[in-house]
Amino acid sequence: MEYRIEKLEAFSVIGQEIELTNYEKKNIKISTTFWKKFNNNLKKAYLSQFANWIKYAFMGKRNGTLFYYCAVPKNITVPQNFILREVETQKYLVFEHIGSMDKIYKTYAKIYKEILPNSEYILVQNNFLHFERYDYRFHWNNQNSVIEIWIPIQH
C-alpha cells in the first residue's frame, strides 16, 4: 500500500461527535448513520458545501472511549450544536482507502498492523488518532470511492 508524507498547516473545523464502541461492525453502522444526521444538520445550519467540498472524520480516544467527530472547514461562525476544533500544524502519513466503506477496516488493519510497525515513523496521537478526508472522489459504497486517511507523525 502506497502512502505519501505531507505537512499540513494549522486549520480549524466545526463539527459534531458521537461515541463509538469497540466493535468494527457496530462502528461502521454508527458512523454511517451519524454521517446522515451530520449532513442533515449541515443543511439546517446553512453549511452545505458545493463544488469543491471537503469533509473530515476524526477518530479520537478519551478515557479509553473512542469518539467519531464529523467536520467541515470552519466558516465565519460556529452554529449551535457544533464544536470548534483547532488542528495544529503537523506532518502526516497519508494513505488512500479505495472502495466501499464496509472495507475500510481492512485498510486500517493493514496500516496499523503491517505498515506502521515495520516503519521508522513515530505516531503523534495527542489530540486524535487519525482523520479521514473526504472530497469529490468519495461516493457512498462505490468500489472506486476514495477516502484519504491522515495519520499524524513526528516531524
N, C-alpha and C. Protein backbone atom coordinates (compact mmCIF):
# COMPACT_ATOMS: atom_id res chain seq x y z
N MET A 1 0.86 -1.18 0.00
CA MET A 1 0.00 0.00 0.00
C MET A 1 0.90 1.23 0.00
N GLU A 2 0.64 2.10 -0.93
CA GLU A 2 1.43 3.32 -1.04
C GLU A 2 0.91 4.41 -0.12
N TYR A 3 1.82 5.32 0.23
CA TYR A 3 1.44 6.48 1.04
C TYR A 3 2.38 7.62 0.71
N ARG A 4 2.00 8.79 1.17
CA ARG A 4 2.86 9.95 1.00
C ARG A 4 3.00 10.64 2.35
N ILE A 5 3.99 11.49 2.46
CA ILE A 5 4.18 12.28 3.67
C ILE A 5 3.84 13.72 3.31
N GLU A 6 3.01 14.33 4.14
CA GLU A 6 2.59 15.70 3.87
C GLU A 6 2.57 16.50 5.15
N LYS A 7 3.02 17.74 5.06
CA LYS A 7 2.90 18.66 6.18
C LYS A 7 1.67 19.51 5.92
N LEU A 8 0.82 19.59 6.92
CA LEU A 8 -0.42 20.34 6.79
C LEU A 8 -0.37 21.49 7.79
N GLU A 9 -0.59 22.69 7.30
CA GLU A 9 -0.62 23.86 8.18
C GLU A 9 -1.85 23.79 9.08
N ALA A 10 -1.81 24.49 10.19
CA ALA A 10 -2.92 24.50 11.13
C ALA A 10 -4.22 24.91 10.43
N PHE A 11 -5.31 24.32 10.86
CA PHE A 11 -6.61 24.68 10.30
C PHE A 11 -7.69 24.46 11.35
N SER A 12 -8.85 25.04 11.12
CA SER A 12 -9.98 24.94 12.04
C SER A 12 -11.14 24.23 11.37
N VAL A 13 -11.83 23.42 12.15
CA VAL A 13 -13.02 22.73 11.64
C VAL A 13 -14.15 22.89 12.65
N ILE A 14 -15.36 22.74 12.16
CA ILE A 14 -16.53 22.71 13.04
C ILE A 14 -17.29 21.43 12.74
N GLY A 15 -17.79 20.81 13.79
CA GLY A 15 -18.48 19.55 13.56
C GLY A 15 -19.23 19.06 14.77
N GLN A 16 -19.54 17.78 14.72
CA GLN A 16 -20.29 17.13 15.78
C GLN A 16 -19.67 15.76 16.02
N GLU A 17 -19.82 15.24 17.25
CA GLU A 17 -19.21 13.95 17.53
C GLU A 17 -20.18 12.97 18.16
N ILE A 18 -19.78 11.70 18.07
CA ILE A 18 -20.58 10.61 18.64
C ILE A 18 -19.61 9.59 19.22
N GLU A 19 -20.06 8.92 20.26
CA GLU A 19 -19.25 7.88 20.89
C GLU A 19 -19.36 6.59 20.09
N LEU A 20 -18.22 5.89 19.97
CA LEU A 20 -18.19 4.61 19.27
C LEU A 20 -18.04 3.47 20.27
N THR A 21 -18.04 2.24 19.76
CA THR A 21 -17.87 1.05 20.58
C THR A 21 -16.49 0.45 20.27
N ASN A 22 -16.26 -0.75 20.74
CA ASN A 22 -15.03 -1.47 20.41
C ASN A 22 -15.29 -2.54 19.35
N TYR A 23 -16.40 -2.42 18.63
CA TYR A 23 -16.78 -3.41 17.63
C TYR A 23 -16.86 -2.78 16.24
N GLU A 24 -16.07 -3.30 15.32
CA GLU A 24 -15.97 -2.72 13.97
C GLU A 24 -17.32 -2.60 13.28
N LYS A 25 -18.09 -3.69 13.25
CA LYS A 25 -19.36 -3.66 12.52
C LYS A 25 -20.34 -2.65 13.11
N LYS A 26 -20.39 -2.59 14.44
CA LYS A 26 -21.26 -1.60 15.09
C LYS A 26 -20.79 -0.19 14.75
N ASN A 27 -19.47 0.02 14.74
CA ASN A 27 -18.93 1.35 14.48
C ASN A 27 -19.21 1.80 13.06
N ILE A 28 -19.17 0.90 12.10
CA ILE A 28 -19.50 1.28 10.72
C ILE A 28 -20.96 1.72 10.64
N LYS A 29 -21.84 0.98 11.32
CA LYS A 29 -23.26 1.34 11.32
C LYS A 29 -23.47 2.69 12.02
N ILE A 30 -22.82 2.87 13.19
CA ILE A 30 -22.94 4.12 13.94
C ILE A 30 -22.43 5.29 13.10
N SER A 31 -21.26 5.13 12.49
CA SER A 31 -20.67 6.24 11.75
C SER A 31 -21.45 6.57 10.48
N THR A 32 -21.93 5.58 9.76
CA THR A 32 -22.70 5.89 8.54
C THR A 32 -24.03 6.55 8.88
N THR A 33 -24.67 6.09 9.96
CA THR A 33 -25.92 6.73 10.41
C THR A 33 -25.63 8.16 10.87
N PHE A 34 -24.51 8.32 11.58
CA PHE A 34 -24.14 9.64 12.08
C PHE A 34 -23.85 10.61 10.93
N TRP A 35 -23.20 10.12 9.86
CA TRP A 35 -22.94 10.98 8.70
C TRP A 35 -24.23 11.54 8.14
N LYS A 36 -25.26 10.71 8.05
CA LYS A 36 -26.54 11.17 7.51
C LYS A 36 -27.12 12.28 8.39
N LYS A 37 -27.05 12.07 9.71
CA LYS A 37 -27.54 13.07 10.65
C LYS A 37 -26.69 14.35 10.54
N PHE A 38 -25.38 14.19 10.48
CA PHE A 38 -24.48 15.33 10.39
C PHE A 38 -24.75 16.14 9.11
N ASN A 39 -24.87 15.45 7.98
CA ASN A 39 -25.14 16.15 6.71
C ASN A 39 -26.47 16.90 6.77
N ASN A 40 -27.46 16.32 7.43
CA ASN A 40 -28.74 16.99 7.61
C ASN A 40 -28.57 18.23 8.49
N ASN A 41 -27.76 18.11 9.54
CA ASN A 41 -27.51 19.26 10.42
C ASN A 41 -26.74 20.35 9.70
N LEU A 42 -25.87 19.98 8.76
CA LEU A 42 -25.17 20.99 7.94
C LEU A 42 -26.18 21.81 7.15
N LYS A 43 -27.15 21.12 6.56
CA LYS A 43 -28.18 21.82 5.77
C LYS A 43 -28.98 22.77 6.65
N LYS A 44 -29.39 22.28 7.83
CA LYS A 44 -30.18 23.10 8.75
C LYS A 44 -29.41 24.35 9.18
N ALA A 45 -28.08 24.22 9.29
CA ALA A 45 -27.24 25.36 9.74
C ALA A 45 -26.73 26.17 8.54
N TYR A 46 -27.25 25.89 7.35
CA TYR A 46 -26.84 26.57 6.12
C TYR A 46 -25.34 26.44 5.87
N LEU A 47 -24.81 25.26 6.12
CA LEU A 47 -23.39 24.99 5.92
C LEU A 47 -23.14 24.00 4.78
N SER A 48 -24.12 23.80 3.95
CA SER A 48 -23.93 22.88 2.82
C SER A 48 -22.79 23.38 1.95
N GLN A 49 -22.00 22.43 1.49
CA GLN A 49 -20.87 22.77 0.62
C GLN A 49 -21.25 22.45 -0.82
N PHE A 50 -20.52 23.07 -1.73
CA PHE A 50 -20.86 22.86 -3.13
C PHE A 50 -19.70 22.23 -3.90
N ALA A 51 -19.30 22.77 -5.01
CA ALA A 51 -18.37 22.13 -5.94
C ALA A 51 -17.08 21.58 -5.31
N ASN A 52 -16.33 22.39 -4.61
CA ASN A 52 -15.05 21.93 -4.05
C ASN A 52 -15.19 21.57 -2.58
N TRP A 53 -16.11 20.69 -2.28
CA TRP A 53 -16.40 20.35 -0.89
C TRP A 53 -15.32 19.47 -0.27
N ILE A 54 -15.16 19.65 1.05
CA ILE A 54 -14.24 18.84 1.85
C ILE A 54 -14.92 18.57 3.19
N LYS A 55 -14.86 17.33 3.62
CA LYS A 55 -15.36 16.96 4.94
C LYS A 55 -14.31 16.09 5.62
N TYR A 56 -14.39 16.06 6.94
CA TYR A 56 -13.43 15.30 7.73
C TYR A 56 -14.15 14.40 8.73
N ALA A 57 -13.49 13.31 9.09
CA ALA A 57 -13.95 12.47 10.20
C ALA A 57 -12.72 12.16 11.05
N PHE A 58 -12.71 12.69 12.25
CA PHE A 58 -11.59 12.47 13.18
C PHE A 58 -11.94 11.32 14.11
N MET A 59 -10.97 10.45 14.34
CA MET A 59 -11.13 9.37 15.31
C MET A 59 -10.29 9.75 16.52
N GLY A 60 -10.92 9.83 17.67
CA GLY A 60 -10.22 10.20 18.89
C GLY A 60 -10.51 9.24 20.01
N LYS A 61 -9.70 9.33 21.04
CA LYS A 61 -9.87 8.46 22.21
C LYS A 61 -9.71 9.30 23.46
N ARG A 62 -10.71 9.22 24.34
CA ARG A 62 -10.65 9.90 25.63
C ARG A 62 -11.07 8.92 26.71
N ASN A 63 -10.22 8.78 27.71
CA ASN A 63 -10.50 7.86 28.83
C ASN A 63 -10.87 6.46 28.34
N GLY A 64 -10.17 6.00 27.31
CA GLY A 64 -10.40 4.65 26.79
C GLY A 64 -11.61 4.50 25.89
N THR A 65 -12.31 5.59 25.62
CA THR A 65 -13.52 5.54 24.78
C THR A 65 -13.23 6.19 23.43
N LEU A 66 -13.65 5.52 22.36
CA LEU A 66 -13.47 6.06 21.00
C LEU A 66 -14.58 7.05 20.68
N PHE A 67 -14.20 8.12 19.99
CA PHE A 67 -15.16 9.11 19.52
C PHE A 67 -14.94 9.38 18.04
N TYR A 68 -16.02 9.65 17.34
CA TYR A 68 -16.00 9.93 15.92
C TYR A 68 -16.54 11.35 15.76
N TYR A 69 -15.74 12.21 15.14
CA TYR A 69 -16.07 13.63 15.01
C TYR A 69 -16.13 13.99 13.53
N CYS A 70 -17.31 14.25 13.01
CA CYS A 70 -17.50 14.67 11.62
C CYS A 70 -17.40 16.19 11.56
N ALA A 71 -16.71 16.70 10.53
CA ALA A 71 -16.47 18.14 10.49
C ALA A 71 -16.35 18.66 9.07
N VAL A 72 -16.46 19.97 8.98
CA VAL A 72 -16.21 20.72 7.74
C VAL A 72 -15.27 21.87 8.09
N PRO A 73 -14.59 22.44 7.09
CA PRO A 73 -13.76 23.61 7.39
C PRO A 73 -14.60 24.69 8.05
N LYS A 74 -14.00 25.37 9.03
CA LYS A 74 -14.72 26.41 9.78
C LYS A 74 -15.06 27.57 8.86
N ASN A 75 -16.30 28.03 8.97
CA ASN A 75 -16.64 29.27 8.28
C ASN A 75 -16.68 30.37 9.33
N ILE A 76 -17.36 31.41 9.13
CA ILE A 76 -17.27 32.59 9.99
C ILE A 76 -17.73 32.33 11.43
N THR A 77 -18.86 31.69 11.59
CA THR A 77 -19.39 31.47 12.95
C THR A 77 -19.54 29.98 13.22
N VAL A 78 -19.64 29.65 14.48
CA VAL A 78 -19.86 28.25 14.89
C VAL A 78 -21.32 28.12 15.29
N PRO A 79 -22.12 27.41 14.50
CA PRO A 79 -23.54 27.27 14.82
C PRO A 79 -23.77 26.51 16.13
N GLN A 80 -24.94 26.72 16.69
CA GLN A 80 -25.33 25.99 17.89
C GLN A 80 -25.27 24.49 17.59
N ASN A 81 -24.87 23.70 18.58
CA ASN A 81 -24.74 22.24 18.48
C ASN A 81 -23.54 21.79 17.66
N PHE A 82 -22.66 22.72 17.28
CA PHE A 82 -21.42 22.36 16.58
C PHE A 82 -20.24 22.66 17.50
N ILE A 83 -19.18 21.90 17.35
CA ILE A 83 -17.98 22.04 18.18
C ILE A 83 -16.83 22.51 17.30
N LEU A 84 -16.13 23.54 17.75
CA LEU A 84 -14.95 24.05 17.04
C LEU A 84 -13.73 23.25 17.48
N ARG A 85 -12.92 22.83 16.52
CA ARG A 85 -11.66 22.15 16.82
C ARG A 85 -10.55 22.83 16.03
N GLU A 86 -9.44 23.07 16.71
CA GLU A 86 -8.25 23.62 16.06
C GLU A 86 -7.28 22.46 15.84
N VAL A 87 -6.80 22.32 14.62
CA VAL A 87 -5.85 21.27 14.30
C VAL A 87 -4.50 21.94 14.07
N GLU A 88 -3.50 21.53 14.85
CA GLU A 88 -2.18 22.15 14.78
C GLU A 88 -1.44 21.77 13.50
N THR A 89 -0.46 22.59 13.15
CA THR A 89 0.44 22.25 12.04
C THR A 89 1.07 20.91 12.38
N GLN A 90 1.08 20.01 11.42
CA GLN A 90 1.53 18.64 11.70
C GLN A 90 2.01 17.96 10.42
N LYS A 91 2.89 17.01 10.57
CA LYS A 91 3.32 16.15 9.47
C LYS A 91 2.48 14.87 9.55
N TYR A 92 2.08 14.35 8.39
CA TYR A 92 1.20 13.18 8.33
C TYR A 92 1.68 12.15 7.33
N LEU A 93 1.34 10.90 7.60
CA LEU A 93 1.37 9.85 6.59
C LEU A 93 -0.03 9.85 6.00
N VAL A 94 -0.12 9.89 4.68
CA VAL A 94 -1.42 9.95 4.02
C VAL A 94 -1.60 8.70 3.16
N PHE A 95 -2.63 7.94 3.48
CA PHE A 95 -2.98 6.72 2.76
C PHE A 95 -4.31 6.96 2.04
N GLU A 96 -4.58 6.14 1.02
CA GLU A 96 -5.88 6.22 0.35
C GLU A 96 -6.60 4.89 0.50
N HIS A 97 -7.83 4.98 1.01
CA HIS A 97 -8.71 3.81 1.02
C HIS A 97 -9.54 3.91 -0.25
N ILE A 98 -9.44 2.89 -1.09
CA ILE A 98 -10.23 2.86 -2.32
C ILE A 98 -11.23 1.72 -2.21
N GLY A 99 -12.51 2.07 -2.30
CA GLY A 99 -13.55 1.06 -2.19
C GLY A 99 -14.65 1.50 -1.26
N SER A 100 -15.54 0.58 -0.97
CA SER A 100 -16.71 0.90 -0.15
C SER A 100 -16.33 1.04 1.32
N MET A 101 -17.20 1.70 2.07
CA MET A 101 -16.98 1.94 3.49
C MET A 101 -16.84 0.65 4.30
N ASP A 102 -17.57 -0.38 3.91
CA ASP A 102 -17.53 -1.61 4.71
C ASP A 102 -16.17 -2.32 4.65
N LYS A 103 -15.28 -1.85 3.78
CA LYS A 103 -13.95 -2.45 3.68
C LYS A 103 -12.86 -1.55 4.29
N ILE A 104 -13.26 -0.44 4.90
CA ILE A 104 -12.26 0.50 5.42
C ILE A 104 -11.44 -0.09 6.57
N TYR A 105 -12.04 -0.98 7.37
CA TYR A 105 -11.28 -1.57 8.48
C TYR A 105 -10.15 -2.47 7.97
N LYS A 106 -10.29 -3.04 6.79
CA LYS A 106 -9.18 -3.81 6.20
C LYS A 106 -8.01 -2.88 5.89
N THR A 107 -8.33 -1.69 5.41
CA THR A 107 -7.28 -0.70 5.13
C THR A 107 -6.62 -0.28 6.43
N TYR A 108 -7.41 0.01 7.46
CA TYR A 108 -6.84 0.38 8.75
C TYR A 108 -5.98 -0.74 9.33
N ALA A 109 -6.43 -1.98 9.22
CA ALA A 109 -5.65 -3.11 9.74
C ALA A 109 -4.29 -3.18 9.05
N LYS A 110 -4.29 -3.02 7.74
CA LYS A 110 -3.03 -3.06 7.00
C LYS A 110 -2.10 -1.92 7.45
N ILE A 111 -2.65 -0.73 7.63
CA ILE A 111 -1.85 0.42 8.04
C ILE A 111 -1.28 0.21 9.44
N TYR A 112 -2.16 -0.08 10.41
CA TYR A 112 -1.76 -0.12 11.81
C TYR A 112 -1.08 -1.43 12.23
N LYS A 113 -1.36 -2.53 11.54
CA LYS A 113 -0.77 -3.82 11.94
C LYS A 113 0.41 -4.24 11.07
N GLU A 114 0.50 -3.73 9.85
CA GLU A 114 1.59 -4.14 8.97
C GLU A 114 2.56 -2.99 8.65
N ILE A 115 2.03 -1.90 8.13
CA ILE A 115 2.91 -0.83 7.63
C ILE A 115 3.58 -0.07 8.77
N LEU A 116 2.81 0.47 9.70
CA LEU A 116 3.39 1.30 10.77
C LEU A 116 4.37 0.54 11.67
N PRO A 117 4.06 -0.70 12.09
CA PRO A 117 5.02 -1.40 12.95
C PRO A 117 6.36 -1.69 12.25
N ASN A 118 6.35 -1.73 10.94
CA ASN A 118 7.56 -2.01 10.17
C ASN A 118 8.18 -0.75 9.58
N SER A 119 7.81 0.40 10.13
CA SER A 119 8.35 1.67 9.62
C SER A 119 9.10 2.38 10.74
N GLU A 120 9.80 3.44 10.37
CA GLU A 120 10.53 4.23 11.37
C GLU A 120 9.69 5.38 11.93
N TYR A 121 8.44 5.49 11.51
CA TYR A 121 7.61 6.62 11.91
C TYR A 121 7.10 6.47 13.34
N ILE A 122 7.07 7.59 14.05
CA ILE A 122 6.55 7.63 15.41
C ILE A 122 5.23 8.40 15.37
N LEU A 123 4.17 7.74 15.85
CA LEU A 123 2.85 8.36 15.82
C LEU A 123 2.73 9.46 16.86
N VAL A 124 1.98 10.49 16.52
CA VAL A 124 1.67 11.58 17.43
C VAL A 124 0.15 11.58 17.57
N GLN A 125 -0.33 11.01 18.63
CA GLN A 125 -1.78 10.87 18.77
C GLN A 125 -2.29 11.59 20.02
N ASN A 126 -1.82 12.81 20.19
CA ASN A 126 -2.21 13.61 21.36
C ASN A 126 -3.65 14.08 21.28
N ASN A 127 -4.05 14.62 20.14
CA ASN A 127 -5.38 15.22 20.01
C ASN A 127 -6.37 14.31 19.30
N PHE A 128 -5.87 13.43 18.45
CA PHE A 128 -6.71 12.46 17.74
C PHE A 128 -5.82 11.36 17.20
N LEU A 129 -6.41 10.23 16.86
CA LEU A 129 -5.64 9.10 16.34
C LEU A 129 -5.30 9.30 14.87
N HIS A 130 -6.28 9.72 14.11
CA HIS A 130 -6.13 9.98 12.67
C HIS A 130 -7.41 10.67 12.20
N PHE A 131 -7.36 11.15 10.96
CA PHE A 131 -8.61 11.65 10.39
C PHE A 131 -8.74 11.18 8.96
N GLU A 132 -10.00 11.11 8.53
CA GLU A 132 -10.32 10.78 7.15
C GLU A 132 -10.71 12.09 6.47
N ARG A 133 -10.24 12.24 5.25
CA ARG A 133 -10.56 13.44 4.47
C ARG A 133 -11.37 13.00 3.25
N TYR A 134 -12.53 13.59 3.12
CA TYR A 134 -13.46 13.27 2.03
C TYR A 134 -13.53 14.45 1.08
N ASP A 135 -13.56 14.16 -0.22
CA ASP A 135 -13.73 15.22 -1.22
C ASP A 135 -14.54 14.64 -2.39
N TYR A 136 -14.48 15.30 -3.52
CA TYR A 136 -15.28 14.91 -4.69
C TYR A 136 -15.06 13.46 -5.12
N ARG A 137 -13.96 12.83 -4.71
CA ARG A 137 -13.67 11.45 -5.11
C ARG A 137 -14.44 10.42 -4.28
N PHE A 138 -15.08 10.88 -3.19
CA PHE A 138 -15.83 9.98 -2.33
C PHE A 138 -17.25 9.79 -2.85
N HIS A 139 -17.68 8.52 -2.91
CA HIS A 139 -19.04 8.17 -3.33
C HIS A 139 -19.48 7.00 -2.45
N TRP A 140 -20.59 7.17 -1.72
CA TRP A 140 -21.06 6.14 -0.80
C TRP A 140 -20.99 4.74 -1.40
N ASN A 141 -20.25 3.88 -0.77
CA ASN A 141 -20.17 2.45 -1.07
C ASN A 141 -19.91 2.11 -2.53
N ASN A 142 -19.22 2.99 -3.23
CA ASN A 142 -18.82 2.74 -4.60
C ASN A 142 -17.43 2.11 -4.57
N GLN A 143 -17.18 1.14 -5.42
CA GLN A 143 -15.88 0.45 -5.42
C GLN A 143 -14.72 1.36 -5.84
N ASN A 144 -15.01 2.48 -6.48
CA ASN A 144 -13.95 3.42 -6.88
C ASN A 144 -13.85 4.63 -5.96
N SER A 145 -14.61 4.62 -4.87
CA SER A 145 -14.62 5.73 -3.92
C SER A 145 -13.25 5.87 -3.26
N VAL A 146 -12.83 7.11 -2.99
CA VAL A 146 -11.53 7.37 -2.36
C VAL A 146 -11.73 8.18 -1.07
N ILE A 147 -11.12 7.68 -0.01
CA ILE A 147 -11.07 8.39 1.28
C ILE A 147 -9.60 8.46 1.66
N GLU A 148 -9.12 9.66 1.96
CA GLU A 148 -7.75 9.80 2.43
C GLU A 148 -7.71 9.61 3.94
N ILE A 149 -6.72 8.87 4.42
CA ILE A 149 -6.52 8.63 5.84
C ILE A 149 -5.22 9.34 6.23
N TRP A 150 -5.32 10.29 7.14
CA TRP A 150 -4.18 11.12 7.57
C TRP A 150 -3.80 10.72 8.99
N ILE A 151 -2.58 10.24 9.16
CA ILE A 151 -2.09 9.80 10.47
C ILE A 151 -0.94 10.70 10.90
N PRO A 152 -1.10 11.40 12.05
CA PRO A 152 -0.06 12.32 12.49
C PRO A 152 1.21 11.59 12.95
N ILE A 153 2.35 12.12 12.50
CA ILE A 153 3.65 11.55 12.87
C ILE A 153 4.58 12.65 13.38
N GLN A 154 5.66 12.25 14.04
CA GLN A 154 6.64 13.21 14.49
C GLN A 154 7.36 13.83 13.32
N HIS A 155 7.76 15.09 13.49
CA HIS A 155 8.50 15.82 12.44
C HIS A 155 9.87 15.22 12.25
